Amino acid sequence: MRIATWNVNSVVARLPRLLEWLQDTAPDALCLQETKVADDGFPTDAVAELGYQVATHGDGRWNGVAILSKVGLDDVVRGLAGGPGYPDPEARAVAAGCGGVRLWSVYVPNGREPGHDHYHYKLAWLASLLDVVAADLERTDRLAVMGDFNVAPTDADVWDPAVFAQSTHVTPPERAAVQALLGTGLVDVVPRPLKYDYPFTYWDYRAGNFHKNLGMRIDLVYATPSVAGAVSDAYVDREARKGKGPSDHAPVVVDLDLG
C-alpha cells in the first residue's frame, strides 16, 4: 500500500500537476492540504477518472484538506470535535479509513509569530488534535496522522536554526505539542531525501531557496508502530517541487507492506 501527503497550495491552480503526479506515482491514498476550495468546488470528477474517491473538508478560503483513496473511504470525520476556531472552526482536518488504515490529513495553523493570537490558536488546535488522535488510538492500531504540521520537530529539520530563532515553527511549545503526539506511541516516519543529505519538505518561493536547499521538514507522517513497522520505503518527492508553478511543498510518499 502506498500512502502520501502533499500541501498542494491550491488544488485548482495545481490540478494539472496533481493529475500527472497521481498517474506517475499512483498512491493508494493521498492526503492533501491547503486545497483552498469549497467542497463543491473540489475537482472530484477529474480525480475520479483516475480511480479515486474523495473526502473533502473545505470552505473556499486559504485552508482546506482532503483525502483521495483508491482503496475505499469509510468513517469519514471532518474537523476536530470540540476543537478551537479563529474565531470559527476552520477546515484543517479530515479523517477516513482507507484500505484498513485510518488516515488523518491535517493542516496545522501557521501561528504567524510567537505571542500572536494565532500562535495561541495553533497550540490549542494541536492540543485538540492530540485528544482526537488519542481517542482514535483506542479503536485502531493502524493509523497515520499526515500533513503540514507547520512545526519543524528538531533543529535538524531547518536549514539554519539561527535564522528561525525568533520565529514560529521551532519554538519549544510548538515542538512540545508535536512531541506529545509521539507520546501516544506514534512514530515519526522520517523519509529519505532524493537529493542532498536531509529530507526537507518545504522551501520558500523567495530567493531561490529551493535550488539552494534552504528548506524545512514540516510535512510529517506520524504513524502507529504497526504502520511504521510496515514501511518498506519513504521519500520526499523533490521532483514534484520542480518546474513551472509548483507548490512550495513537496509530497512525502510512504510505501507499506502490511501483509
C-alpha atoms as a PDB file:
ATOM      1  CA  MET A   1       0.000   0.000   0.000  1.00  0.00           C
ATOM      2  CA  ARG A   2       1.309   3.446  -0.908  1.00  0.00           C
ATOM      3  CA  ILE A   3       0.176   6.488   1.077  1.00  0.00           C
ATOM      4  CA  ALA A   4       1.286  10.079   0.645  1.00  0.00           C
ATOM      5  CA  THR A   5       0.773  13.620   1.880  1.00  0.00           C
ATOM      6  CA  TRP A   6       1.102  16.893  -0.016  1.00  0.00           C
ATOM      7  CA  ASN A   7       0.378  20.514   0.779  1.00  0.00           C
ATOM      8  CA  VAL A   8      -0.665  21.325  -2.770  1.00  0.00           C
ATOM      9  CA  ASN A   9      -1.128  25.093  -2.198  1.00  0.00           C
ATOM     10  CA  SER A  10      -4.397  25.348  -4.189  1.00  0.00           C
ATOM     11  CA  VAL A  11      -5.752  22.197  -5.762  1.00  0.00           C
ATOM     12  CA  VAL A  12      -7.315  24.137  -8.649  1.00  0.00           C
ATOM     13  CA  ALA A  13      -4.155  26.042  -9.541  1.00  0.00           C
ATOM     14  CA  ARG A  14      -2.111  22.852  -9.226  1.00  0.00           C
ATOM     15  CA  LEU A  15      -4.602  20.442 -10.816  1.00  0.00           C
ATOM     16  CA  PRO A  16      -2.637  19.542 -13.974  1.00  0.00           C
ATOM     17  CA  ARG A  17       0.454  18.847 -11.879  1.00  0.00           C
ATOM     18  CA  LEU A  18      -1.590  16.865  -9.353  1.00  0.00           C
ATOM     19  CA  LEU A  19      -3.199  14.676 -12.004  1.00  0.00           C
ATOM     20  CA  GLU A  20       0.154  13.983 -13.650  1.00  0.00           C
ATOM     21  CA  TRP A  21       1.681  13.144 -10.275  1.00  0.00           C
ATOM     22  CA  LEU A  22      -1.195  10.811  -9.388  1.00  0.00           C
ATOM     23  CA  GLN A  23      -0.718   8.946 -12.650  1.00  0.00           C
ATOM     24  CA  ASP A  24       3.052   8.679 -12.245  1.00  0.00           C
ATOM     25  CA  THR A  25       3.222   7.906  -8.516  1.00  0.00           C
ATOM     26  CA  ALA A  26      -0.065   6.023  -8.117  1.00  0.00           C
ATOM     27  CA  PRO A  27      -0.632   6.331  -4.366  1.00  0.00           C
ATOM     28  CA  ASP A  28      -3.431   4.242  -2.947  1.00  0.00           C
ATOM     29  CA  ALA A  29      -4.331   7.148  -0.676  1.00  0.00           C
ATOM     30  CA  LEU A  30      -3.215  10.779  -0.706  1.00  0.00           C
ATOM     31  CA  CYS A  31      -3.735  13.390   1.993  1.00  0.00           C
ATOM     32  CA  LEU A  32      -3.925  16.943   0.640  1.00  0.00           C
ATOM     33  CA  GLN A  33      -3.643  20.233   2.496  1.00  0.00           C
ATOM     34  CA  GLU A  34      -4.248  23.875   1.627  1.00  0.00           C
ATOM     35  CA  THR A  35      -6.702  22.951  -1.099  1.00  0.00           C
ATOM     36  CA  LYS A  36      -8.173  26.477  -0.968  1.00  0.00           C
ATOM     37  CA  VAL A  37     -11.532  25.368  -2.332  1.00  0.00           C
ATOM     38  CA  ALA A  38     -15.025  24.729  -1.008  1.00  0.00           C
ATOM     39  CA  ASP A  39     -16.242  21.146  -1.015  1.00  0.00           C
ATOM     40  CA  ASP A  40     -18.455  21.714  -4.046  1.00  0.00           C
ATOM     41  CA  GLY A  41     -15.548  23.222  -5.982  1.00  0.00           C
ATOM     42  CA  PHE A  42     -13.122  20.353  -5.489  1.00  0.00           C
ATOM     43  CA  PRO A  43     -12.167  18.690  -8.813  1.00  0.00           C
ATOM     44  CA  THR A  44     -13.788  15.420  -7.785  1.00  0.00           C
ATOM     45  CA  ASP A  45     -14.622  14.316 -11.323  1.00  0.00           C
ATOM     46  CA  ALA A  46     -11.048  14.810 -12.531  1.00  0.00           C
ATOM     47  CA  VAL A  47      -9.537  12.607  -9.838  1.00  0.00           C
ATOM     48  CA  ALA A  48     -12.401  10.111 -10.120  1.00  0.00           C
ATOM     49  CA  GLU A  49     -11.272   9.433 -13.684  1.00  0.00           C
ATOM     50  CA  LEU A  50      -8.052   8.101 -12.147  1.00  0.00           C
ATOM     51  CA  GLY A  51      -9.978   5.861  -9.770  1.00  0.00           C
ATOM     52  CA  TYR A  52     -10.016   7.993  -6.632  1.00  0.00           C
ATOM     53  CA  GLN A  53     -12.824   8.563  -4.178  1.00  0.00           C
ATOM     54  CA  VAL A  54     -12.603  11.862  -2.336  1.00  0.00           C
ATOM     55  CA  ALA A  55     -13.357  13.068   1.183  1.00  0.00           C
ATOM     56  CA  THR A  56     -13.090  16.849   1.332  1.00  0.00           C
ATOM     57  CA  HIS A  57     -13.298  19.479   4.032  1.00  0.00           C
ATOM     58  CA  GLY A  58     -13.048  22.983   2.629  1.00  0.00           C
ATOM     59  CA  ASP A  59     -14.755  26.340   2.907  1.00  0.00           C
ATOM     60  CA  GLY A  60     -13.262  28.098  -0.094  1.00  0.00           C
ATOM     61  CA  ARG A  61     -10.706  30.152   1.781  1.00  0.00           C
ATOM     62  CA  TRP A  62      -6.994  29.590   2.299  1.00  0.00           C
ATOM     63  CA  ASN A  63      -7.348  26.349   4.246  1.00  0.00           C
ATOM     64  CA  GLY A  64      -8.944  23.097   3.134  1.00  0.00           C
ATOM     65  CA  VAL A  65      -7.958  19.440   3.357  1.00  0.00           C
ATOM     66  CA  ALA A  66      -8.867  16.274   1.503  1.00  0.00           C
ATOM     67  CA  ILE A  67      -8.189  12.549   1.273  1.00  0.00           C
ATOM     68  CA  LEU A  68      -8.091  10.777  -2.084  1.00  0.00           C
ATOM     69  CA  SER A  69      -8.348   6.991  -1.985  1.00  0.00           C
ATOM     70  CA  LYS A  70      -8.390   4.058  -4.385  1.00  0.00           C
ATOM     71  CA  VAL A  71      -8.880   1.622  -1.506  1.00  0.00           C
ATOM     72  CA  GLY A  72     -12.125   2.884  -0.040  1.00  0.00           C
ATOM     73  CA  LEU A  73     -13.249   5.657   2.283  1.00  0.00           C
ATOM     74  CA  ASP A  74     -15.127   4.841   5.447  1.00  0.00           C
ATOM     75  CA  ASP A  75     -15.936   6.533   8.739  1.00  0.00           C
ATOM     76  CA  VAL A  76     -15.150   9.985   7.355  1.00  0.00           C
ATOM     77  CA  VAL A  77     -14.765  12.696  10.001  1.00  0.00           C
ATOM     78  CA  ARG A  78     -14.436  16.371   9.130  1.00  0.00           C
ATOM     79  CA  GLY A  79     -12.814  18.717  11.623  1.00  0.00           C
ATOM     80  CA  LEU A  80     -11.729  18.236  15.222  1.00  0.00           C
ATOM     81  CA  ALA A  81     -14.592  17.549  17.592  1.00  0.00           C
ATOM     82  CA  GLY A  82     -14.641  20.342  20.166  1.00  0.00           C
ATOM     83  CA  GLY A  83     -11.632  21.988  18.555  1.00  0.00           C
ATOM     84  CA  PRO A  84     -10.906  25.726  18.626  1.00  0.00           C
ATOM     85  CA  GLY A  85     -11.635  28.246  15.906  1.00  0.00           C
ATOM     86  CA  TYR A  86     -10.236  31.578  14.786  1.00  0.00           C
ATOM     87  CA  PRO A  87     -12.818  32.630  15.751  1.00  0.00           C
ATOM     88  CA  ASP A  88     -14.884  29.994  13.967  1.00  0.00           C
ATOM     89  CA  PRO A  89     -13.681  26.427  13.293  1.00  0.00           C
ATOM     90  CA  GLU A  90     -11.592  26.171  10.125  1.00  0.00           C
ATOM     91  CA  ALA A  91     -11.280  23.412   7.533  1.00  0.00           C
ATOM     92  CA  ARG A  92      -7.990  21.945   8.713  1.00  0.00           C
ATOM     93  CA  ALA A  93      -8.556  18.234   9.373  1.00  0.00           C
ATOM     94  CA  VAL A  94     -10.295  15.284   7.763  1.00  0.00           C
ATOM     95  CA  ALA A  95     -10.032  11.583   8.590  1.00  0.00           C
ATOM     96  CA  ALA A  96     -11.081   8.385   6.856  1.00  0.00           C
ATOM     97  CA  GLY A  97     -10.412   4.680   6.823  1.00  0.00           C
ATOM     98  CA  CYS A  98      -8.504   3.731   3.676  1.00  0.00           C
ATOM     99  CA  GLY A  99      -7.732   0.101   2.991  1.00  0.00           C
ATOM    100  CA  GLY A 100      -7.655  -0.804   6.654  1.00  0.00           C
ATOM    101  CA  VAL A 101      -5.534   2.182   7.734  1.00  0.00           C
ATOM    102  CA  ARG A 102      -7.084   5.236   9.354  1.00  0.00           C
ATOM    103  CA  LEU A 103      -5.607   8.423   7.919  1.00  0.00           C
ATOM    104  CA  TRP A 104      -5.799  11.974   9.184  1.00  0.00           C
ATOM    105  CA  SER A 105      -4.965  14.779   6.759  1.00  0.00           C
ATOM    106  CA  VAL A 106      -4.068  17.828   8.856  1.00  0.00           C
ATOM    107  CA  TYR A 107      -3.145  21.410   8.090  1.00  0.00           C
ATOM    108  CA  VAL A 108      -1.931  22.882  11.362  1.00  0.00           C
ATOM    109  CA  PRO A 109      -2.342  26.666  11.775  1.00  0.00           C
ATOM    110  CA  ASN A 110       0.772  28.677  10.937  1.00  0.00           C
ATOM    111  CA  GLY A 111       0.910  30.658  14.167  1.00  0.00           C
ATOM    112  CA  ARG A 112       2.194  33.824  12.469  1.00  0.00           C
ATOM    113  CA  GLU A 113       4.566  34.910  15.258  1.00  0.00           C
ATOM    114  CA  PRO A 114       5.185  33.876  18.871  1.00  0.00           C
ATOM    115  CA  GLY A 115       2.721  35.537  21.200  1.00  0.00           C
ATOM    116  CA  HIS A 116       0.200  36.341  18.456  1.00  0.00           C
ATOM    117  CA  ASP A 117      -3.409  35.232  18.966  1.00  0.00           C
ATOM    118  CA  HIS A 118      -2.906  32.892  16.005  1.00  0.00           C
ATOM    119  CA  TYR A 119       0.060  31.306  17.786  1.00  0.00           C
ATOM    120  CA  HIS A 120      -2.107  30.510  20.811  1.00  0.00           C
ATOM    121  CA  TYR A 121      -4.774  29.192  18.447  1.00  0.00           C
ATOM    122  CA  LYS A 122      -2.145  26.925  16.897  1.00  0.00           C
ATOM    123  CA  LEU A 123      -1.223  25.450  20.273  1.00  0.00           C
ATOM    124  CA  ALA A 124      -4.884  24.969  21.195  1.00  0.00           C
ATOM    125  CA  TRP A 125      -5.528  23.314  17.836  1.00  0.00           C
ATOM    126  CA  LEU A 126      -2.631  20.898  18.341  1.00  0.00           C
ATOM    127  CA  ALA A 127      -3.954  20.060  21.806  1.00  0.00           C
ATOM    128  CA  SER A 128      -7.337  19.213  20.272  1.00  0.00           C
ATOM    129  CA  LEU A 129      -5.648  17.096  17.625  1.00  0.00           C
ATOM    130  CA  LEU A 130      -3.914  15.174  20.404  1.00  0.00           C
ATOM    131  CA  ASP A 131      -7.264  14.442  22.074  1.00  0.00           C
ATOM    132  CA  VAL A 132      -8.858  13.282  18.820  1.00  0.00           C
ATOM    133  CA  VAL A 133      -5.924  11.060  17.890  1.00  0.00           C
ATOM    134  CA  ALA A 134      -5.791   9.550  21.377  1.00  0.00           C
ATOM    135  CA  ALA A 135      -9.480   8.634  21.051  1.00  0.00           C
ATOM    136  CA  ASP A 136      -8.875   7.034  17.649  1.00  0.00           C
ATOM    137  CA  LEU A 137      -5.985   5.017  19.052  1.00  0.00           C
ATOM    138  CA  GLU A 138      -8.421   3.330  21.401  1.00  0.00           C
ATOM    139  CA  ARG A 139     -10.208   1.944  18.324  1.00  0.00           C
ATOM    140  CA  THR A 140      -7.389   1.083  15.933  1.00  0.00           C
ATOM    141  CA  ASP A 141      -3.704   0.242  15.867  1.00  0.00           C
ATOM    142  CA  ARG A 142      -3.394   1.141  12.174  1.00  0.00           C
ATOM    143  CA  LEU A 143      -3.373   4.921  11.997  1.00  0.00           C
ATOM    144  CA  ALA A 144      -1.279   7.668  10.444  1.00  0.00           C
ATOM    145  CA  VAL A 145      -1.531  11.414  11.001  1.00  0.00           C
ATOM    146  CA  MET A 146      -0.154  13.099   7.896  1.00  0.00           C
ATOM    147  CA  GLY A 147       0.142  16.627   6.645  1.00  0.00           C
ATOM    148  CA  ASP A 148       1.569  20.088   7.004  1.00  0.00           C
ATOM    149  CA  PHE A 149       2.245  20.485  10.710  1.00  0.00           C
ATOM    150  CA  ASN A 150       3.893  23.908  10.372  1.00  0.00           C
ATOM    151  CA  VAL A 151       6.360  22.705  13.003  1.00  0.00           C
ATOM    152  CA  ALA A 152       9.946  21.585  12.498  1.00  0.00           C
ATOM    153  CA  PRO A 153      10.338  18.956  15.238  1.00  0.00           C
ATOM    154  CA  THR A 154      14.086  19.469  15.815  1.00  0.00           C
ATOM    155  CA  ASP A 155      16.875  21.866  14.853  1.00  0.00           C
ATOM    156  CA  ALA A 156      17.972  19.345  12.234  1.00  0.00           C
ATOM    157  CA  ASP A 157      14.663  19.956  10.469  1.00  0.00           C
ATOM    158  CA  VAL A 158      15.570  23.526   9.423  1.00  0.00           C
ATOM    159  CA  TRP A 159      18.431  24.596   7.197  1.00  0.00           C
ATOM    160  CA  ASP A 160      19.769  27.094   9.769  1.00  0.00           C
ATOM    161  CA  PRO A 161      18.312  27.144  13.309  1.00  0.00           C
ATOM    162  CA  ALA A 162      19.703  30.640  13.920  1.00  0.00           C
ATOM    163  CA  VAL A 163      17.574  32.065  11.119  1.00  0.00           C
ATOM    164  CA  PHE A 164      14.393  30.815  12.780  1.00  0.00           C
ATOM    165  CA  ALA A 165      15.308  31.601  16.383  1.00  0.00           C
ATOM    166  CA  GLN A 166      12.655  34.327  16.788  1.00  0.00           C
ATOM    167  CA  SER A 167      10.062  32.673  14.570  1.00  0.00           C
ATOM    168  CA  THR A 168       7.219  30.230  14.825  1.00  0.00           C
ATOM    169  CA  HIS A 169       7.649  26.591  13.740  1.00  0.00           C
ATOM    170  CA  VAL A 170      10.598  25.997  16.079  1.00  0.00           C
ATOM    171  CA  THR A 171       9.514  27.306  19.493  1.00  0.00           C
ATOM    172  CA  PRO A 172       9.579  24.933  22.477  1.00  0.00           C
ATOM    173  CA  PRO A 173       5.777  24.965  22.982  1.00  0.00           C
ATOM    174  CA  GLU A 174       5.155  24.030  19.338  1.00  0.00           C
ATOM    175  CA  ARG A 175       7.719  21.267  19.444  1.00  0.00           C
ATOM    176  CA  ALA A 176       6.315  20.015  22.742  1.00  0.00           C
ATOM    177  CA  ALA A 177       2.866  19.842  21.149  1.00  0.00           C
ATOM    178  CA  VAL A 178       4.020  17.574  18.334  1.00  0.00           C
ATOM    179  CA  GLN A 179       6.175  15.596  20.746  1.00  0.00           C
ATOM    180  CA  ALA A 180       3.007  14.924  22.740  1.00  0.00           C
ATOM    181  CA  LEU A 181       1.621  13.135  19.685  1.00  0.00           C
ATOM    182  CA  LEU A 182       4.644  10.865  19.739  1.00  0.00           C
ATOM    183  CA  GLY A 183       3.957  10.389  23.428  1.00  0.00           C
ATOM    184  CA  THR A 184       0.781   8.499  22.471  1.00  0.00           C
ATOM    185  CA  GLY A 185       3.006   5.868  20.848  1.00  0.00           C
ATOM    186  CA  LEU A 186       3.081   7.271  17.321  1.00  0.00           C
ATOM    187  CA  VAL A 187       6.340   7.051  15.381  1.00  0.00           C
ATOM    188  CA  ASP A 188       7.881   9.782  13.233  1.00  0.00           C
ATOM    189  CA  VAL A 189       8.319   8.217   9.791  1.00  0.00           C
ATOM    190  CA  VAL A 190      11.299  10.195   8.513  1.00  0.00           C
ATOM    191  CA  PRO A 191      11.558   9.975   4.718  1.00  0.00           C
ATOM    192  CA  ARG A 192      14.753   9.827   2.712  1.00  0.00           C
ATOM    193  CA  PRO A 193      15.734  12.767   0.517  1.00  0.00           C
ATOM    194  CA  LEU A 194      16.088  12.270  -3.207  1.00  0.00           C
ATOM    195  CA  LYS A 195      18.928  14.808  -3.155  1.00  0.00           C
ATOM    196  CA  TYR A 196      21.146  16.402  -0.526  1.00  0.00           C
ATOM    197  CA  ASP A 197      21.554  14.988   2.947  1.00  0.00           C
ATOM    198  CA  TYR A 198      18.303  15.867   4.740  1.00  0.00           C
ATOM    199  CA  PRO A 199      14.645  15.380   3.769  1.00  0.00           C
ATOM    200  CA  PHE A 200      13.304  18.917   3.776  1.00  0.00           C
ATOM    201  CA  THR A 201       9.719  19.141   2.516  1.00  0.00           C
ATOM    202  CA  TYR A 202       9.170  22.900   2.210  1.00  0.00           C
ATOM    203  CA  TRP A 203      11.175  25.668   0.563  1.00  0.00           C
ATOM    204  CA  ASP A 204      10.077  29.294   0.449  1.00  0.00           C
ATOM    205  CA  TYR A 205       9.446  30.586  -3.066  1.00  0.00           C
ATOM    206  CA  ARG A 206      11.744  33.556  -2.482  1.00  0.00           C
ATOM    207  CA  ALA A 207      15.456  33.993  -3.151  1.00  0.00           C
ATOM    208  CA  GLY A 208      15.953  30.668  -4.873  1.00  0.00           C
ATOM    209  CA  ASN A 209      15.616  28.791  -1.605  1.00  0.00           C
ATOM    210  CA  PHE A 210      14.649  25.552  -3.315  1.00  0.00           C
ATOM    211  CA  HIS A 211      17.711  25.460  -5.540  1.00  0.00           C
ATOM    212  CA  LYS A 212      19.915  26.342  -2.555  1.00  0.00           C
ATOM    213  CA  ASN A 213      18.131  23.675  -0.463  1.00  0.00           C
ATOM    214  CA  LEU A 214      17.275  26.213   2.230  1.00  0.00           C
ATOM    215  CA  GLY A 215      14.309  24.256   3.479  1.00  0.00           C
ATOM    216  CA  MET A 216      12.389  22.855   6.424  1.00  0.00           C
ATOM    217  CA  ARG A 217      10.868  19.484   7.285  1.00  0.00           C
ATOM    218  CA  ILE A 218       7.363  20.437   8.352  1.00  0.00           C
ATOM    219  CA  ASP A 219       5.294  17.904   6.370  1.00  0.00           C
ATOM    220  CA  LEU A 220       5.211  14.936   8.701  1.00  0.00           C
ATOM    221  CA  VAL A 221       3.938  11.374   8.889  1.00  0.00           C
ATOM    222  CA  TYR A 222       3.242  10.167  12.420  1.00  0.00           C
ATOM    223  CA  ALA A 223       2.118   6.536  12.443  1.00  0.00           C
ATOM    224  CA  THR A 224       1.301   3.772  14.878  1.00  0.00           C
ATOM    225  CA  PRO A 225       4.008   1.139  15.358  1.00  0.00           C
ATOM    226  CA  SER A 226       2.060  -1.394  13.283  1.00  0.00           C
ATOM    227  CA  VAL A 227       2.086   1.038  10.342  1.00  0.00           C
ATOM    228  CA  ALA A 228       5.580   2.423  10.889  1.00  0.00           C
ATOM    229  CA  GLY A 229       6.914  -1.111  11.208  1.00  0.00           C
ATOM    230  CA  ALA A 230       5.465  -1.951   7.802  1.00  0.00           C
ATOM    231  CA  VAL A 231       7.280   0.870   5.992  1.00  0.00           C
ATOM    232  CA  SER A 232       9.368  -0.501   3.137  1.00  0.00           C
ATOM    233  CA  ASP A 233      10.319   2.933   1.810  1.00  0.00           C
ATOM    234  CA  ALA A 234       9.583   6.598   2.492  1.00  0.00           C
ATOM    235  CA  TYR A 235      10.847   9.544   0.491  1.00  0.00           C
ATOM    236  CA  VAL A 236      10.369  13.226  -0.243  1.00  0.00           C
ATOM    237  CA  ASP A 237       9.406  13.560  -3.885  1.00  0.00           C
ATOM    238  CA  ARG A 238      11.602  16.557  -4.548  1.00  0.00           C
ATOM    239  CA  GLU A 239      10.961  16.255  -8.280  1.00  0.00           C
ATOM    240  CA  ALA A 240       7.388  17.447  -7.720  1.00  0.00           C
ATOM    241  CA  ARG A 241       8.728  20.746  -6.359  1.00  0.00           C
ATOM    242  CA  LYS A 242      10.498  21.498  -9.656  1.00  0.00           C
ATOM    243  CA  GLY A 243       9.266  23.070 -12.865  1.00  0.00           C
ATOM    244  CA  LYS A 244       6.733  25.746 -13.631  1.00  0.00           C
ATOM    245  CA  GLY A 245       4.194  26.720 -10.990  1.00  0.00           C
ATOM    246  CA  PRO A 246       4.892  24.147  -8.254  1.00  0.00           C
ATOM    247  CA  SER A 247       3.602  24.137  -4.709  1.00  0.00           C
ATOM    248  CA  ASP A 248       6.167  25.343  -2.191  1.00  0.00           C
ATOM    249  CA  HIS A 249       5.893  21.905  -0.550  1.00  0.00           C
ATOM    250  CA  ALA A 250       6.972  18.517  -1.895  1.00  0.00           C
ATOM    251  CA  PRO A 251       4.948  15.335  -1.381  1.00  0.00           C
ATOM    252  CA  VAL A 252       6.034  12.741   1.153  1.00  0.00           C
ATOM    253  CA  VAL A 253       5.460   9.197  -0.115  1.00  0.00           C
ATOM    254  CA  VAL A 254       5.362   6.131   2.148  1.00  0.00           C
ATOM    255  CA  ASP A 255       5.241   2.520   0.957  1.00  0.00           C
ATOM    256  CA  LEU A 256       3.784  -0.065   3.319  1.00  0.00           C
ATOM    257  CA  ASP A 257       3.945  -3.831   3.368  1.00  0.00           C
ATOM    258  CA  LEU A 258       1.045  -4.545   5.657  1.00  0.00           C
ATOM    259  CA  GLY A 259       0.835  -8.253   4.878  1.00  0.00           C
END
